Amino acid sequence: YAGDEPAVLKRDFEASLHAAYRTDEVSEQFERVGLDHLTIEEISDRHWIVYGPVSAPGSSRDRP
């Protein structure tokens, strides 16, 4: 993905991959804080998306 980029950008890209969360890690974090009703989906080899119903802080919401 960064084949022709300067070395500093290659290092930054590699570091960002090492620092990124995997979808299973995010799911575990969501479960711990009560957000396990959200869906996390891997949409490419470098990206994931989270979606689902959310409510404003302090408001009540019926969970499915």
PDB file of N, CA and C in Angstrom:
ATOM      1  N   TYR A   1       0.808  -1.194   0.000  1.00  0.00           N
ATOM      2  CA  TYR A   1       0.000   0.000   0.000  1.00  0.00           C
ATOM      3  C   TYR A   1       0.856   1.266   0.000  1.00  0.00           C
ATOM      4  N   ALA A   2       2.072   1.161   0.462  1.00  0.00           N
ATOM      5  CA  ALA A   2       2.923   2.350   0.552  1.00  0.00           C
ATOM      6  C   ALA A   2       4.239   2.116  -0.170  1.00  0.00           C
ATOM      7  N   GLY A   3       4.201   1.308  -1.201  1.00  0.00           N
ATOM      8  CA  GLY A   3       5.411   0.885  -1.890  1.00  0.00           C
ATOM      9  C   GLY A   3       6.345   1.983  -2.354  1.00  0.00           C
ATOM     10  N   ASP A   4       5.819   3.058  -2.906  1.00  0.00           N
ATOM     11  CA  ASP A   4       6.662   4.127  -3.437  1.00  0.00           C
ATOM     12  C   ASP A   4       6.760   5.338  -2.517  1.00  0.00           C
ATOM     13  N   GLU A   5       6.258   5.208  -1.303  1.00  0.00           N
ATOM     14  CA  GLU A   5       6.271   6.332  -0.368  1.00  0.00           C
ATOM     15  C   GLU A   5       7.623   6.434   0.343  1.00  0.00           C
ATOM     16  N   PRO A   6       7.934   7.608   0.887  1.00  0.00           N
ATOM     17  CA  PRO A   6       9.181   7.764   1.653  1.00  0.00           C
ATOM     18  C   PRO A   6       9.188   6.837   2.873  1.00  0.00           C
ATOM     19  N   ALA A   7      10.365   6.496   3.324  1.00  0.00           N
ATOM     20  CA  ALA A   7      10.528   5.557   4.439  1.00  0.00           C
ATOM     21  C   ALA A   7       9.762   5.999   5.681  1.00  0.00           C
ATOM     22  N   VAL A   8       9.742   7.286   5.968  1.00  0.00           N
ATOM     23  CA  VAL A   8       9.053   7.764   7.168  1.00  0.00           C
ATOM     24  C   VAL A   8       7.550   7.460   7.088  1.00  0.00           C
ATOM     25  N   LEU A   9       6.960   7.581   5.915  1.00  0.00           N
ATOM     26  CA  LEU A   9       5.541   7.271   5.759  1.00  0.00           C
ATOM     27  C   LEU A   9       5.290   5.776   5.845  1.00  0.00           C
ATOM     28  N   LYS A  10       6.198   4.979   5.336  1.00  0.00           N
ATOM     29  CA  LYS A  10       6.074   3.525   5.464  1.00  0.00           C
ATOM     30  C   LYS A  10       6.102   3.118   6.933  1.00  0.00           C
ATOM     31  N   ARG A  11       7.019   3.730   7.709  1.00  0.00           N
ATOM     32  CA  ARG A  11       7.101   3.421   9.145  1.00  0.00           C
ATOM     33  C   ARG A  11       5.822   3.846   9.857  1.00  0.00           C
ATOM     34  N   ASP A  12       5.305   5.013   9.520  1.00  0.00           N
ATOM     35  CA  ASP A  12       4.065   5.485  10.141  1.00  0.00           C
ATOM     36  C   ASP A  12       2.895   4.561   9.813  1.00  0.00           C
ATOM     37  N   PHE A  13       2.817   4.129   8.557  1.00  0.00           N
ATOM     38  CA  PHE A  13       1.749   3.223   8.156  1.00  0.00           C
ATOM     39  C   PHE A  13       1.857   1.907   8.916  1.00  0.00           C
ATOM     40  N   GLU A  14       3.050   1.348   8.991  1.00  0.00           N
ATOM     41  CA  GLU A  14       3.249   0.101   9.725  1.00  0.00           C
ATOM     42  C   GLU A  14       2.883   0.273  11.195  1.00  0.00           C
ATOM     43  N   ALA A  15       3.294   1.376  11.792  1.00  0.00           N
ATOM     44  CA  ALA A  15       2.970   1.635  13.205  1.00  0.00           C
ATOM     45  C   ALA A  15       1.463   1.734  13.410  1.00  0.00           C
ATOM     46  N   SER A  16       0.764   2.353  12.468  1.00  0.00           N
ATOM     47  CA  SER A  16      -0.686   2.478  12.610  1.00  0.00           C
ATOM     48  C   SER A  16      -1.370   1.115  12.541  1.00  0.00           C
ATOM     49  N   LEU A  17      -0.846   0.221  11.731  1.00  0.00           N
ATOM     50  CA  LEU A  17      -1.412  -1.127  11.666  1.00  0.00           C
ATOM     51  C   LEU A  17      -1.197  -1.880  12.970  1.00  0.00           C
ATOM     52  N   HIS A  18      -0.032  -1.712  13.573  1.00  0.00           N
ATOM     53  CA  HIS A  18       0.248  -2.376  14.842  1.00  0.00           C
ATOM     54  C   HIS A  18      -0.598  -1.799  15.976  1.00  0.00           C
ATOM     55  N   ALA A  19      -0.954  -0.530  15.891  1.00  0.00           N
ATOM     56  CA  ALA A  19      -1.717   0.134  16.943  1.00  0.00           C
ATOM     57  C   ALA A  19      -3.225  -0.053  16.793  1.00  0.00           C
ATOM     58  N   ALA A  20      -3.667  -0.527  15.655  1.00  0.00           N
ATOM     59  CA  ALA A  20      -5.097  -0.628  15.378  1.00  0.00           C
ATOM     60  C   ALA A  20      -5.742  -1.788  16.129  1.00  0.00           C
ATOM     61  N   TYR A  21      -7.017  -1.619  16.471  1.00  0.00           N
ATOM     62  CA  TYR A  21      -7.788  -2.687  17.105  1.00  0.00           C
ATOM     63  C   TYR A  21      -8.341  -3.631  16.045  1.00  0.00           C
ATOM     64  N   ARG A  22      -8.368  -4.902  16.386  1.00  0.00           N
ATOM     65  CA  ARG A  22      -9.043  -5.896  15.550  1.00  0.00           C
ATOM     66  C   ARG A  22     -10.527  -5.896  15.924  1.00  0.00           C
ATOM     67  N   THR A  23     -11.364  -6.406  15.022  1.00  0.00           N
ATOM     68  CA  THR A  23     -12.804  -6.397  15.279  1.00  0.00           C
ATOM     69  C   THR A  23     -13.159  -7.205  16.523  1.00  0.00           C
ATOM     70  N   ASP A  24     -12.479  -8.312  16.782  1.00  0.00           N
ATOM     71  CA  ASP A  24     -12.791  -9.101  17.976  1.00  0.00           C
ATOM     72  C   ASP A  24     -12.453  -8.326  19.250  1.00  0.00           C
ATOM     73  N   GLU A  25     -11.396  -7.522  19.213  1.00  0.00           N
ATOM     74  CA  GLU A  25     -11.039  -6.701  20.367  1.00  0.00           C
ATOM     75  C   GLU A  25     -12.090  -5.620  20.617  1.00  0.00           C
ATOM     76  N   VAL A  26     -12.582  -5.009  19.555  1.00  0.00           N
ATOM     77  CA  VAL A  26     -13.603  -3.979  19.694  1.00  0.00           C
ATOM     78  C   VAL A  26     -14.893  -4.601  20.225  1.00  0.00           C
ATOM     79  N   SER A  27     -15.262  -5.764  19.718  1.00  0.00           N
ATOM     80  CA  SER A  27     -16.462  -6.445  20.194  1.00  0.00           C
ATOM     81  C   SER A  27     -16.370  -6.736  21.688  1.00  0.00           C
ATOM     82  N   GLU A  28     -15.213  -7.184  22.145  1.00  0.00           N
ATOM     83  CA  GLU A  28     -15.019  -7.457  23.571  1.00  0.00           C
ATOM     84  C   GLU A  28     -15.151  -6.178  24.395  1.00  0.00           C
ATOM     85  N   GLN A  29     -14.603  -5.088  23.899  1.00  0.00           N
ATOM     86  CA  GLN A  29     -14.717  -3.809  24.602  1.00  0.00           C
ATOM     87  C   GLN A  29     -16.175  -3.356  24.663  1.00  0.00           C
ATOM     88  N   PHE A  30     -16.896  -3.495  23.561  1.00  0.00           N
ATOM     89  CA  PHE A  30     -18.316  -3.129  23.531  1.00  0.00           C
ATOM     90  C   PHE A  30     -19.096  -3.952  24.543  1.00  0.00           C
ATOM     91  N   GLU A  31     -18.806  -5.245  24.616  1.00  0.00           N
ATOM     92  CA  GLU A  31     -19.515  -6.111  25.547  1.00  0.00           C
ATOM     93  C   GLU A  31     -19.281  -5.659  26.996  1.00  0.00           C
ATOM     94  N   ARG A  32     -18.049  -5.295  27.307  1.00  0.00           N
ATOM     95  CA  ARG A  32     -17.722  -4.868  28.674  1.00  0.00           C
ATOM     96  C   ARG A  32     -18.453  -3.593  29.092  1.00  0.00           C
ATOM     97  N   VAL A  33     -18.740  -2.717  28.149  1.00  0.00           N
ATOM     98  CA  VAL A  33     -19.392  -1.449  28.494  1.00  0.00           C
ATOM     99  C   VAL A  33     -20.870  -1.408  28.108  1.00  0.00           C
ATOM    100  N   GLY A  34     -21.438  -2.548  27.772  1.00  0.00           N
ATOM    101  CA  GLY A  34     -22.864  -2.610  27.481  1.00  0.00           C
ATOM    102  C   GLY A  34     -23.275  -2.122  26.113  1.00  0.00           C
ATOM    103  N   LEU A  35     -22.358  -2.157  25.159  1.00  0.00           N
ATOM    104  CA  LEU A  35     -22.678  -1.749  23.793  1.00  0.00           C
ATOM    105  C   LEU A  35     -22.672  -2.938  22.832  1.00  0.00           C
ATOM    106  N   ASP A  36     -22.900  -4.121  23.380  1.00  0.00           N
ATOM    107  CA  ASP A  36     -22.822  -5.327  22.557  1.00  0.00           C
ATOM    108  C   ASP A  36     -23.982  -5.450  21.569  1.00  0.00           C
ATOM    109  N   HIS A  37     -24.952  -4.534  21.620  1.00  0.00           N
ATOM    110  CA  HIS A  37     -26.022  -4.521  20.618  1.00  0.00           C
ATOM    111  C   HIS A  37     -25.550  -3.884  19.305  1.00  0.00           C
ATOM    112  N   LEU A  38     -24.389  -3.224  19.322  1.00  0.00           N
ATOM    113  CA  LEU A  38     -23.849  -2.636  18.097  1.00  0.00           C
ATOM    114  C   LEU A  38     -23.198  -3.716  17.244  1.00  0.00           C
ATOM    115  N   THR A  39     -23.182  -3.494  15.960  1.00  0.00           N
ATOM    116  CA  THR A  39     -22.586  -4.434  15.015  1.00  0.00           C
ATOM    117  C   THR A  39     -21.277  -3.860  14.512  1.00  0.00           C
ATOM    118  N   ILE A  40     -20.244  -4.691  14.520  1.00  0.00           N
ATOM    119  CA  ILE A  40     -18.958  -4.293  13.937  1.00  0.00           C
ATOM    120  C   ILE A  40     -18.715  -5.193  12.740  1.00  0.00           C
ATOM    121  N   GLU A  41     -18.335  -4.590  11.638  1.00  0.00           N
ATOM    122  CA  GLU A  41     -18.161  -5.333  10.392  1.00  0.00           C
ATOM    123  C   GLU A  41     -16.855  -4.913   9.724  1.00  0.00           C
ATOM    124  N   GLU A  42     -16.056  -5.888   9.360  1.00  0.00           N
ATOM    125  CA  GLU A  42     -14.823  -5.617   8.627  1.00  0.00           C
ATOM    126  C   GLU A  42     -15.188  -5.371   7.172  1.00  0.00           C
ATOM    127  N   ILE A  43     -14.851  -4.183   6.669  1.00  0.00           N
ATOM    128  CA  ILE A  43     -15.252  -3.828   5.305  1.00  0.00           C
ATOM    129  C   ILE A  43     -14.087  -3.840   4.322  1.00  0.00           C
ATOM    130  N   SER A  44     -12.859  -3.968   4.833  1.00  0.00           N
ATOM    131  CA  SER A  44     -11.694  -4.161   3.973  1.00  0.00           C
ATOM    132  C   SER A  44     -10.590  -4.749   4.841  1.00  0.00           C
ATOM    133  N   ASP A  45      -9.451  -4.990   4.259  1.00  0.00           N
ATOM    134  CA  ASP A  45      -8.361  -5.555   5.058  1.00  0.00           C
ATOM    135  C   ASP A  45      -7.752  -4.544   6.016  1.00  0.00           C
ATOM    136  N   ARG A  46      -8.163  -3.281   5.929  1.00  0.00           N
ATOM    137  CA  ARG A  46      -7.640  -2.240   6.823  1.00  0.00           C
ATOM    138  C   ARG A  46      -8.711  -1.408   7.499  1.00  0.00           C
ATOM    139  N   HIS A  47      -9.986  -1.710   7.278  1.00  0.00           N
ATOM    140  CA  HIS A  47     -11.060  -0.868   7.796  1.00  0.00           C
ATOM    141  C   HIS A  47     -12.194  -1.712   8.374  1.00  0.00           C
ATOM    142  N   TRP A  48     -12.821  -1.164   9.411  1.00  0.00           N
ATOM    143  CA  TRP A  48     -14.048  -1.746   9.926  1.00  0.00           C
ATOM    144  C   TRP A  48     -15.023  -0.619  10.224  1.00  0.00           C
ATOM    145  N   ILE A  49     -16.301  -0.993  10.350  1.00  0.00           N
ATOM    146  CA  ILE A  49     -17.354  -0.026  10.606  1.00  0.00           C
ATOM    147  C   ILE A  49     -18.214  -0.558  11.751  1.00  0.00           C
ATOM    148  N   VAL A  50     -18.737   0.344  12.550  1.00  0.00           N
ATOM    149  CA  VAL A  50     -19.644  -0.003  13.631  1.00  0.00           C
ATOM    150  C   VAL A  50     -20.967   0.694  13.367  1.00  0.00           C
ATOM    151  N   TYR A  51     -22.081  -0.046  13.571  1.00  0.00           N
ATOM    152  CA  TYR A  51     -23.377   0.578  13.382  1.00  0.00           C
ATOM    153  C   TYR A  51     -24.405  -0.060  14.288  1.00  0.00           C
ATOM    154  N   GLY A  52     -25.457   0.668  14.509  1.00  0.00           N
ATOM    155  CA  GLY A  52     -26.551   0.210  15.344  1.00  0.00           C
ATOM    156  C   GLY A  52     -27.183   1.376  16.070  1.00  0.00           C
ATOM    157  N   PRO A  53     -28.247   1.109  16.803  1.00  0.00           N
ATOM    158  CA  PRO A  53     -28.944   2.179  17.510  1.00  0.00           C
ATOM    159  C   PRO A  53     -28.140   2.684  18.707  1.00  0.00           C
ATOM    160  N   VAL A  54     -28.122   3.984  18.865  1.00  0.00           N
ATOM    161  CA  VAL A  54     -27.489   4.609  20.024  1.00  0.00           C
ATOM    162  C   VAL A  54     -28.440   5.671  20.555  1.00  0.00           C
ATOM    163  N   SER A  55     -28.235   6.035  21.799  1.00  0.00           N
ATOM    164  CA  SER A  55     -29.046   7.086  22.390  1.00  0.00           C
ATOM    165  C   SER A  55     -28.139   8.103  23.058  1.00  0.00           C
ATOM    166  N   ALA A  56     -28.695   9.238  23.353  1.00  0.00           N
ATOM    167  CA  ALA A  56     -27.935  10.301  23.996  1.00  0.00           C
ATOM    168  C   ALA A  56     -27.524   9.867  25.399  1.00  0.00           C
ATOM    169  N   PRO A  57     -26.361  10.318  25.882  1.00  0.00           N
ATOM    170  CA  PRO A  57     -25.930   9.970  27.236  1.00  0.00           C
ATOM    171  C   PRO A  57     -26.981  10.354  28.261  1.00  0.00           C
ATOM    172  N   GLY A  58     -27.258   9.437  29.175  1.00  0.00           N
ATOM    173  CA  GLY A  58     -28.224   9.697  30.236  1.00  0.00           C
ATOM    174  C   GLY A  58     -29.659   9.364  29.882  1.00  0.00           C
ATOM    175  N   SER A  59     -29.960   9.090  28.629  1.00  0.00           N
ATOM    176  CA  SER A  59     -31.316   8.742  28.262  1.00  0.00           C
ATOM    177  C   SER A  59     -31.488   7.233  28.330  1.00  0.00           C
ATOM    178  N   SER A  60     -32.722   6.795  28.488  1.00  0.00           N
ATOM    179  CA  SER A  60     -32.960   5.349  28.536  1.00  0.00           C
ATOM    180  C   SER A  60     -33.380   4.878  27.153  1.00  0.00           C
ATOM    181  N   ARG A  61     -33.071   3.649  26.872  1.00  0.00           N
ATOM    182  CA  ARG A  61     -33.375   3.069  25.564  1.00  0.00           C
ATOM    183  C   ARG A  61     -33.683   1.590  25.762  1.00  0.00           C
ATOM    184  N   ASP A  62     -34.717   1.121  25.151  1.00  0.00           N
ATOM    185  CA  ASP A  62     -35.020  -0.313  25.194  1.00  0.00           C
ATOM    186  C   ASP A  62     -34.096  -1.028  24.250  1.00  0.00           C
ATOM    187  N   ARG A  63     -33.436  -2.041  24.739  1.00  0.00           N
ATOM    188  CA  ARG A  63     -32.550  -2.833  23.875  1.00  0.00           C
ATOM    189  C   ARG A  63     -33.358  -3.910  23.193  1.00  0.00           C
ATOM    190  N   PRO A  64     -32.962  -4.255  21.973  1.00  0.00           N
ATOM    191  CA  PRO A  64     -33.679  -5.316  21.247  1.00  0.00           C
ATOM    192  C   PRO A  64     -33.548  -6.649  21.936  1.00  0.00           C
TER     193      PRO A  64
END
